[in-house]
């Protein structure tokens, strides 16, 4: 183990010696290349941070919309149940009114919207996860 470490140390010393022996212009060129790479990575990191914050904000907005849509669906379902109970109580053979049909259609539309919002949230969360992985990689 010690021999292996000594060998690695010798290799690193050789690399350092090689760098010292390089002409100054090559050293400067290497420094400039490294600075450029660093600047590119910092720019990419900043862009990723902005995108992550934006996606996080958008996810929170969509979650709030989803919660309000779910509340509305529950409210409409409750209203529909009450209306159907009242109609059933008045007459078992009575056909549901046009208003109850409208409420039912609204409920169906809201449920479809909720499903599409859930799918959108899932997509955004997946994209957010991938961006975080890219940030970690960078």
N, C-alpha and C. Protein backbone atom coordinates (compact mmCIF):
# COMPACT_ATOMS: atom_id res chain seq x y z
N UNK A 1 0.84 -1.19 0.00
CA UNK A 1 0.00 0.00 0.00
C UNK A 1 0.88 1.26 0.00
N UNK A 2 1.94 1.23 0.85
CA UNK A 2 2.86 2.36 0.93
C UNK A 2 3.60 2.52 -0.40
N UNK A 3 4.01 1.39 -1.00
CA UNK A 3 4.70 1.46 -2.29
C UNK A 3 3.79 2.06 -3.36
N UNK A 4 2.54 1.65 -3.33
CA UNK A 4 1.56 2.16 -4.30
C UNK A 4 1.41 3.67 -4.13
N UNK A 5 1.30 4.11 -2.89
CA UNK A 5 1.17 5.54 -2.61
C UNK A 5 2.44 6.30 -3.01
N UNK A 6 3.59 5.70 -2.77
CA UNK A 6 4.86 6.33 -3.17
C UNK A 6 4.94 6.46 -4.69
N UNK A 7 4.46 5.45 -5.38
CA UNK A 7 4.46 5.48 -6.85
C UNK A 7 3.54 6.60 -7.35
N UNK A 8 2.36 6.72 -6.75
CA UNK A 8 1.44 7.78 -7.14
C UNK A 8 2.05 9.15 -6.85
N UNK A 9 2.74 9.27 -5.73
CA UNK A 9 3.39 10.52 -5.37
C UNK A 9 4.47 10.87 -6.40
N UNK A 10 5.23 9.88 -6.82
CA UNK A 10 6.26 10.11 -7.84
C UNK A 10 5.65 10.56 -9.15
N UNK A 11 4.51 9.94 -9.52
CA UNK A 11 3.83 10.33 -10.76
C UNK A 11 3.35 11.78 -10.67
N UNK A 12 2.79 12.15 -9.53
CA UNK A 12 2.32 13.53 -9.35
C UNK A 12 3.48 14.50 -9.37
N UNK A 13 4.58 14.12 -8.74
CA UNK A 13 5.77 14.97 -8.78
C UNK A 13 6.27 15.15 -10.21
N UNK A 14 6.19 14.07 -11.00
CA UNK A 14 6.59 14.15 -12.41
C UNK A 14 5.69 15.10 -13.18
N UNK A 15 4.39 15.05 -12.92
CA UNK A 15 3.45 15.95 -13.59
C UNK A 15 3.74 17.40 -13.20
N UNK A 16 4.02 17.62 -11.92
CA UNK A 16 4.33 18.97 -11.44
C UNK A 16 5.61 19.47 -12.11
N UNK A 17 6.60 18.61 -12.17
CA UNK A 17 7.87 18.98 -12.79
C UNK A 17 7.65 19.32 -14.26
N UNK A 18 6.80 18.56 -14.93
CA UNK A 18 6.49 18.81 -16.34
C UNK A 18 5.85 20.18 -16.50
N UNK A 19 4.92 20.52 -15.60
CA UNK A 19 4.25 21.82 -15.65
C UNK A 19 5.26 22.95 -15.41
N UNK A 20 6.17 22.74 -14.49
CA UNK A 20 7.17 23.76 -14.18
C UNK A 20 8.08 23.99 -15.38
N UNK A 21 8.42 22.93 -16.08
CA UNK A 21 9.34 23.02 -17.20
C UNK A 21 8.68 23.54 -18.47
N UNK A 22 7.36 23.67 -18.51
CA UNK A 22 6.68 24.17 -19.70
C UNK A 22 7.03 25.64 -19.90
N UNK A 23 7.03 26.06 -21.14
CA UNK A 23 7.26 27.49 -21.40
C UNK A 23 6.12 28.31 -20.79
N UNK A 24 6.40 29.55 -20.42
CA UNK A 24 5.39 30.39 -19.76
C UNK A 24 4.11 30.58 -20.58
N UNK A 25 4.24 30.71 -21.91
CA UNK A 25 3.04 30.92 -22.72
C UNK A 25 2.10 29.71 -22.68
N UNK A 26 2.65 28.50 -22.57
CA UNK A 26 1.80 27.32 -22.47
C UNK A 26 1.09 27.28 -21.13
N UNK A 27 1.80 27.72 -20.08
CA UNK A 27 1.16 27.78 -18.76
C UNK A 27 0.00 28.77 -18.78
N UNK A 28 0.24 29.93 -19.38
CA UNK A 28 -0.80 30.94 -19.46
C UNK A 28 -1.99 30.45 -20.30
N UNK A 29 -1.67 29.76 -21.37
CA UNK A 29 -2.73 29.21 -22.22
C UNK A 29 -3.57 28.20 -21.44
N UNK A 30 -2.90 27.36 -20.66
CA UNK A 30 -3.62 26.38 -19.83
C UNK A 30 -4.47 27.08 -18.78
N UNK A 31 -3.92 28.14 -18.17
CA UNK A 31 -4.67 28.90 -17.17
C UNK A 31 -5.90 29.53 -17.82
N UNK A 32 -5.75 30.12 -18.99
CA UNK A 32 -6.88 30.73 -19.69
C UNK A 32 -7.95 29.69 -20.05
N UNK A 33 -7.48 28.52 -20.48
CA UNK A 33 -8.44 27.46 -20.82
C UNK A 33 -9.23 27.04 -19.58
N UNK A 34 -8.53 26.88 -18.46
CA UNK A 34 -9.19 26.49 -17.22
C UNK A 34 -10.16 27.59 -16.73
N UNK A 35 -9.76 28.85 -16.88
CA UNK A 35 -10.63 29.96 -16.49
C UNK A 35 -11.89 29.98 -17.36
N UNK A 36 -11.71 29.75 -18.65
CA UNK A 36 -12.86 29.72 -19.57
C UNK A 36 -13.81 28.58 -19.20
N UNK A 37 -13.25 27.42 -18.90
CA UNK A 37 -14.06 26.26 -18.50
C UNK A 37 -14.82 26.57 -17.22
N UNK A 38 -14.13 27.19 -16.27
CA UNK A 38 -14.76 27.55 -15.00
C UNK A 38 -15.90 28.54 -15.24
N UNK A 39 -15.69 29.55 -16.08
CA UNK A 39 -16.73 30.54 -16.38
C UNK A 39 -17.94 29.87 -17.02
N UNK A 40 -17.70 28.94 -17.94
CA UNK A 40 -18.80 28.23 -18.59
C UNK A 40 -19.59 27.41 -17.57
N UNK A 41 -18.90 26.76 -16.67
CA UNK A 41 -19.59 25.95 -15.65
C UNK A 41 -20.38 26.83 -14.69
N UNK A 42 -19.81 27.98 -14.32
CA UNK A 42 -20.54 28.89 -13.44
C UNK A 42 -21.79 29.43 -14.12
N UNK A 43 -21.67 29.74 -15.41
CA UNK A 43 -22.83 30.22 -16.17
C UNK A 43 -23.90 29.13 -16.26
N UNK A 44 -23.49 27.91 -16.54
CA UNK A 44 -24.43 26.79 -16.61
C UNK A 44 -25.09 26.56 -15.26
N UNK A 45 -24.32 26.68 -14.18
CA UNK A 45 -24.87 26.51 -12.82
C UNK A 45 -25.89 27.59 -12.53
N UNK A 46 -25.59 28.83 -12.89
CA UNK A 46 -26.52 29.93 -12.65
C UNK A 46 -27.81 29.72 -13.45
N UNK A 47 -27.68 29.28 -14.69
CA UNK A 47 -28.85 29.00 -15.51
C UNK A 47 -29.69 27.89 -14.90
N UNK A 48 -29.03 26.85 -14.46
CA UNK A 48 -29.74 25.73 -13.82
C UNK A 48 -30.45 26.18 -12.55
N UNK A 49 -29.79 27.03 -11.76
CA UNK A 49 -30.42 27.54 -10.54
C UNK A 49 -31.68 28.32 -10.86
N UNK A 50 -31.60 29.19 -11.88
CA UNK A 50 -32.77 29.98 -12.27
C UNK A 50 -33.89 29.06 -12.75
N UNK A 51 -33.54 28.08 -13.57
CA UNK A 51 -34.56 27.15 -14.06
C UNK A 51 -35.19 26.35 -12.92
N UNK A 52 -34.39 25.91 -11.99
CA UNK A 52 -34.91 25.15 -10.85
C UNK A 52 -35.86 26.01 -10.02
N UNK A 53 -35.46 27.26 -9.75
CA UNK A 53 -36.34 28.15 -8.99
C UNK A 53 -37.64 28.39 -9.74
N UNK A 54 -37.53 28.61 -11.04
CA UNK A 54 -38.72 28.86 -11.86
C UNK A 54 -39.64 27.64 -11.84
N UNK A 55 -39.07 26.46 -12.01
CA UNK A 55 -39.87 25.24 -11.99
C UNK A 55 -40.49 24.99 -10.62
N UNK A 56 -39.75 25.30 -9.58
CA UNK A 56 -40.27 25.14 -8.23
C UNK A 56 -41.47 26.07 -8.01
N UNK A 57 -41.31 27.33 -8.42
CA UNK A 57 -42.42 28.29 -8.29
C UNK A 57 -43.63 27.82 -9.08
N UNK A 58 -43.39 27.39 -10.30
CA UNK A 58 -44.49 26.93 -11.15
C UNK A 58 -45.16 25.69 -10.55
N UNK A 59 -44.37 24.80 -9.98
CA UNK A 59 -44.92 23.60 -9.33
C UNK A 59 -45.81 23.99 -8.16
N UNK A 60 -45.35 24.96 -7.36
CA UNK A 60 -46.17 25.41 -6.22
C UNK A 60 -47.48 26.04 -6.69
N UNK A 61 -47.40 26.84 -7.76
CA UNK A 61 -48.61 27.45 -8.31
C UNK A 61 -49.59 26.37 -8.79
N UNK A 62 -49.06 25.39 -9.49
CA UNK A 62 -49.91 24.32 -10.00
C UNK A 62 -50.51 23.49 -8.87
N UNK A 63 -49.73 23.28 -7.80
CA UNK A 63 -50.27 22.54 -6.66
C UNK A 63 -51.40 23.31 -6.00
N UNK A 64 -51.25 24.65 -5.90
CA UNK A 64 -52.33 25.45 -5.33
C UNK A 64 -53.57 25.39 -6.21
N UNK A 65 -53.38 25.48 -7.53
CA UNK A 65 -54.51 25.39 -8.45
C UNK A 65 -55.18 24.02 -8.34
N UNK A 66 -54.36 23.00 -8.24
CA UNK A 66 -54.89 21.65 -8.11
C UNK A 66 -55.71 21.51 -6.83
N UNK A 67 -55.20 22.06 -5.74
CA UNK A 67 -55.92 21.99 -4.48
C UNK A 67 -57.26 22.72 -4.57
N UNK A 68 -57.25 23.90 -5.19
CA UNK A 68 -58.52 24.63 -5.31
C UNK A 68 -59.48 23.91 -6.26
N UNK A 69 -58.95 23.29 -7.30
CA UNK A 69 -59.80 22.52 -8.22
C UNK A 69 -60.40 21.32 -7.49
N UNK A 70 -59.59 20.67 -6.68
CA UNK A 70 -60.10 19.52 -5.93
C UNK A 70 -61.19 19.96 -4.96
N UNK A 71 -60.98 21.10 -4.30
CA UNK A 71 -62.02 21.62 -3.40
C UNK A 71 -63.30 21.90 -4.17
N UNK A 72 -63.16 22.51 -5.34
CA UNK A 72 -64.34 22.82 -6.16
C UNK A 72 -65.04 21.53 -6.57
N UNK A 73 -64.27 20.52 -6.93
CA UNK A 73 -64.87 19.23 -7.31
C UNK A 73 -65.64 18.63 -6.14
N UNK A 74 -65.06 18.68 -4.96
CA UNK A 74 -65.74 18.16 -3.79
C UNK A 74 -67.02 18.94 -3.51
N UNK A 75 -66.95 20.24 -3.64
CA UNK A 75 -68.12 21.08 -3.42
C UNK A 75 -69.22 20.75 -4.43
N UNK A 76 -68.83 20.65 -5.71
CA UNK A 76 -69.81 20.34 -6.75
C UNK A 76 -70.40 18.94 -6.55
N UNK A 77 -69.58 18.00 -6.15
CA UNK A 77 -70.08 16.65 -5.91
C UNK A 77 -71.09 16.66 -4.76
N UNK A 78 -70.77 17.42 -3.71
CA UNK A 78 -71.67 17.51 -2.57
C UNK A 78 -73.00 18.15 -2.99
N UNK A 79 -72.91 19.24 -3.78
CA UNK A 79 -74.12 19.90 -4.26
C UNK A 79 -74.94 18.96 -5.12
N UNK A 80 -74.29 18.21 -5.96
CA UNK A 80 -74.99 17.27 -6.84
C UNK A 80 -75.68 16.19 -6.01
N UNK A 81 -74.98 15.67 -5.00
CA UNK A 81 -75.60 14.65 -4.14
C UNK A 81 -76.82 15.21 -3.43
N UNK A 82 -76.70 16.42 -2.89
CA UNK A 82 -77.83 17.03 -2.19
C UNK A 82 -79.00 17.24 -3.14
N UNK A 83 -78.69 17.72 -4.33
CA UNK A 83 -79.74 17.95 -5.32
C UNK A 83 -80.43 16.63 -5.69
N UNK A 84 -79.65 15.58 -5.88
CA UNK A 84 -80.23 14.29 -6.24
C UNK A 84 -81.06 13.74 -5.08
N UNK A 85 -80.60 13.93 -3.85
CA UNK A 85 -81.38 13.49 -2.68
C UNK A 85 -82.70 14.22 -2.59
N UNK A 86 -82.66 15.53 -2.83
CA UNK A 86 -83.88 16.33 -2.79
C UNK A 86 -84.86 15.88 -3.87
N UNK A 87 -84.32 15.66 -5.08
CA UNK A 87 -85.16 15.22 -6.18
C UNK A 87 -85.74 13.84 -5.91
N UNK A 88 -84.93 12.97 -5.35
CA UNK A 88 -85.39 11.63 -5.03
C UNK A 88 -86.43 11.68 -3.93
N UNK A 89 -86.24 12.58 -2.99
CA UNK A 89 -87.20 12.74 -1.90
C UNK A 89 -88.53 13.26 -2.40
N UNK A 90 -88.50 14.16 -3.38
CA UNK A 90 -89.74 14.72 -3.93
C UNK A 90 -90.48 13.72 -4.80
N UNK A 91 -89.73 13.04 -5.64
CA UNK A 91 -90.36 12.06 -6.53
C UNK A 91 -89.29 11.09 -7.03
N UNK A 92 -89.53 9.81 -6.85
CA UNK A 92 -88.55 8.81 -7.27
C UNK A 92 -88.45 8.72 -8.79
N UNK A 93 -89.52 9.07 -9.49
CA UNK A 93 -89.53 8.93 -10.94
C UNK A 93 -89.14 10.21 -11.67
N UNK A 94 -88.83 11.28 -10.93
CA UNK A 94 -88.56 12.57 -11.56
C UNK A 94 -87.22 12.50 -12.30
N UNK A 95 -87.20 13.07 -13.50
CA UNK A 95 -85.99 13.12 -14.32
C UNK A 95 -85.13 14.27 -13.83
N UNK A 96 -83.80 14.08 -13.73
CA UNK A 96 -82.94 15.18 -13.27
C UNK A 96 -83.11 16.41 -14.16
N UNK A 97 -83.09 17.55 -13.55
CA UNK A 97 -83.29 18.79 -14.28
C UNK A 97 -82.05 19.16 -15.08
N UNK A 98 -82.23 20.11 -15.96
CA UNK A 98 -81.12 20.56 -16.79
C UNK A 98 -80.00 21.14 -15.93
N UNK A 99 -80.37 21.80 -14.84
CA UNK A 99 -79.37 22.39 -13.94
C UNK A 99 -78.48 21.31 -13.32
N UNK A 100 -79.05 20.24 -12.88
CA UNK A 100 -78.23 19.17 -12.29
C UNK A 100 -77.33 18.54 -13.34
N UNK A 101 -77.82 18.47 -14.59
CA UNK A 101 -76.97 17.97 -15.67
C UNK A 101 -75.79 18.90 -15.91
N UNK A 102 -76.03 20.20 -15.83
CA UNK A 102 -74.94 21.17 -16.01
C UNK A 102 -73.91 21.02 -14.89
N UNK A 103 -74.39 20.86 -13.66
CA UNK A 103 -73.48 20.69 -12.53
C UNK A 103 -72.65 19.43 -12.71
N UNK A 104 -73.30 18.37 -13.17
CA UNK A 104 -72.59 17.12 -13.39
C UNK A 104 -71.53 17.28 -14.48
N UNK A 105 -71.87 17.97 -15.57
CA UNK A 105 -70.90 18.20 -16.65
C UNK A 105 -69.73 19.06 -16.15
N UNK A 106 -70.03 20.05 -15.34
CA UNK A 106 -68.95 20.88 -14.77
C UNK A 106 -68.03 20.02 -13.90
N UNK A 107 -68.64 19.14 -13.14
CA UNK A 107 -67.86 18.25 -12.29
C UNK A 107 -66.93 17.38 -13.12
N UNK A 108 -67.44 16.83 -14.21
CA UNK A 108 -66.62 16.00 -15.10
C UNK A 108 -65.47 16.81 -15.70
N UNK A 109 -65.76 18.04 -16.14
CA UNK A 109 -64.71 18.90 -16.71
C UNK A 109 -63.63 19.19 -15.66
N UNK A 110 -64.05 19.46 -14.45
CA UNK A 110 -63.09 19.75 -13.39
C UNK A 110 -62.22 18.53 -13.08
N UNK A 111 -62.84 17.35 -13.11
CA UNK A 111 -62.06 16.14 -12.86
C UNK A 111 -61.02 15.93 -13.96
N UNK A 112 -61.41 16.20 -15.23
CA UNK A 112 -60.46 16.10 -16.33
C UNK A 112 -59.33 17.10 -16.16
N UNK A 113 -59.67 18.32 -15.74
CA UNK A 113 -58.64 19.34 -15.50
C UNK A 113 -57.70 18.91 -14.40
N UNK A 114 -58.26 18.30 -13.36
CA UNK A 114 -57.43 17.84 -12.24
C UNK A 114 -56.44 16.78 -12.72
N UNK A 115 -56.91 15.86 -13.55
CA UNK A 115 -56.02 14.82 -14.06
C UNK A 115 -54.91 15.43 -14.91
N UNK A 116 -55.25 16.39 -15.78
CA UNK A 116 -54.23 17.00 -16.61
C UNK A 116 -53.25 17.81 -15.76
N UNK A 117 -53.74 18.46 -14.71
CA UNK A 117 -52.85 19.19 -13.81
C UNK A 117 -51.92 18.23 -13.07
N UNK A 118 -52.45 17.10 -12.65
CA UNK A 118 -51.61 16.11 -11.98
C UNK A 118 -50.51 15.61 -12.93
N UNK A 119 -50.87 15.37 -14.17
CA UNK A 119 -49.89 14.91 -15.14
C UNK A 119 -48.83 15.99 -15.37
N UNK A 120 -49.27 17.23 -15.46
CA UNK A 120 -48.34 18.34 -15.65
C UNK A 120 -47.40 18.47 -14.46
N UNK A 121 -47.93 18.34 -13.26
CA UNK A 121 -47.11 18.41 -12.05
C UNK A 121 -46.08 17.29 -12.05
N UNK A 122 -46.52 16.09 -12.42
CA UNK A 122 -45.58 14.95 -12.48
C UNK A 122 -44.46 15.23 -13.48
N UNK A 123 -44.83 15.76 -14.64
CA UNK A 123 -43.82 16.08 -15.66
C UNK A 123 -42.85 17.14 -15.15
N UNK A 124 -43.37 18.16 -14.50
CA UNK A 124 -42.51 19.22 -13.97
C UNK A 124 -41.60 18.70 -12.87
N UNK A 125 -42.14 17.84 -12.02
CA UNK A 125 -41.31 17.27 -10.96
C UNK A 125 -40.19 16.42 -11.55
N UNK A 126 -40.49 15.66 -12.59
CA UNK A 126 -39.48 14.83 -13.24
C UNK A 126 -38.41 15.71 -13.88
N UNK A 127 -38.86 16.77 -14.57
CA UNK A 127 -37.91 17.69 -15.19
C UNK A 127 -37.05 18.38 -14.13
N UNK A 128 -37.67 18.75 -13.02
CA UNK A 128 -36.95 19.37 -11.90
C UNK A 128 -35.89 18.41 -11.35
N UNK A 129 -36.27 17.14 -11.20
CA UNK A 129 -35.34 16.13 -10.70
C UNK A 129 -34.16 15.98 -11.66
N UNK A 130 -34.44 15.97 -12.95
CA UNK A 130 -33.38 15.81 -13.94
C UNK A 130 -32.44 17.02 -13.91
N UNK A 131 -33.01 18.22 -13.77
CA UNK A 131 -32.18 19.42 -13.71
C UNK A 131 -31.30 19.40 -12.47
N UNK A 132 -31.85 18.93 -11.36
CA UNK A 132 -31.05 18.84 -10.13
C UNK A 132 -29.90 17.85 -10.32
N UNK A 133 -30.17 16.76 -11.04
CA UNK A 133 -29.10 15.78 -11.31
C UNK A 133 -28.01 16.42 -12.18
N UNK A 134 -28.44 17.20 -13.16
CA UNK A 134 -27.47 17.86 -14.04
C UNK A 134 -26.64 18.87 -13.23
N UNK A 135 -27.30 19.59 -12.34
CA UNK A 135 -26.59 20.55 -11.50
C UNK A 135 -25.59 19.83 -10.64
N UNK A 136 -26.00 18.72 -10.04
CA UNK A 136 -25.09 17.95 -9.21
C UNK A 136 -23.91 17.43 -10.03
N UNK A 137 -24.19 17.02 -11.26
CA UNK A 137 -23.14 16.51 -12.12
C UNK A 137 -22.13 17.61 -12.46
N UNK A 138 -22.67 18.79 -12.78
CA UNK A 138 -21.79 19.92 -13.12
C UNK A 138 -20.98 20.32 -11.90
